[in-house]
Amino acid sequence: MNAPYSAPLSVFISITSLCNLKCLHCCVYEDAPLGTDLSTDEWISFFDELQRLKVFRVHISGGEPMMRPDFFHLMDDLARRPLRICINTNATLVDGPAAKRLSNLSRLDEIMVSLDGSSPEVHDRVRGPGSFEKMKRGVELLLKEGFPLSFYCTVTRLNLEDLPNIAGFAMRLGVSGVKFNDMI
């Protein structure tokens, strides 16, 4: 039987092992071994291959993808290609200029922001002290730019009781949706 497509419709890429948070449910840390990530040129070569294969959508993640010094260079390269882009981020590194720059990426369809609680008491217990307020500030800056956002929530015993509040928090902010996922 022939496959209906000649390439994957969607590819999920972790562009770095670096992260600025130490989430309880994650194995990626800011002190990950340096030198293990692909270089800028290696990623661009990989993007060439994705384009050649006619992949439709690229999901960019990490660690925290914005930890890469060349993050915007890589995003600009992807945006010039006939690929749709989605970015998964914890949004704690999003400032005004970064939000503006992201909003100008023509092929960026969605930003998925990690959210593990509707309040600092729940979210920070999973992601670390101060992470909720930094994430919320980043989300508000992205929303101010008119960008479509959704939350991505890893359901654990630490936030299970907070799930209705997470949905309410998303609605109050005007976020387009919440994706709940079990812990892998």
Foldseek 3Di string as FASTA:
>chain_A
DDDPAQDAQEEEDAQELAAPWDFPLDPRYNPPDPPPGDDPVVVLVVLVVCLVRVHAEYEYAHNALVVDPCSLVSLLSNLVGNHAYEYEHQLLPADLVNLLSVLPSPRYQEYEHEAAALDCVQRCVGTNPPSVVSSVNSLLSNVVSVHAYEYEYADDPSCVVRVVVVQVSCVVSVHPYYHYHYRD
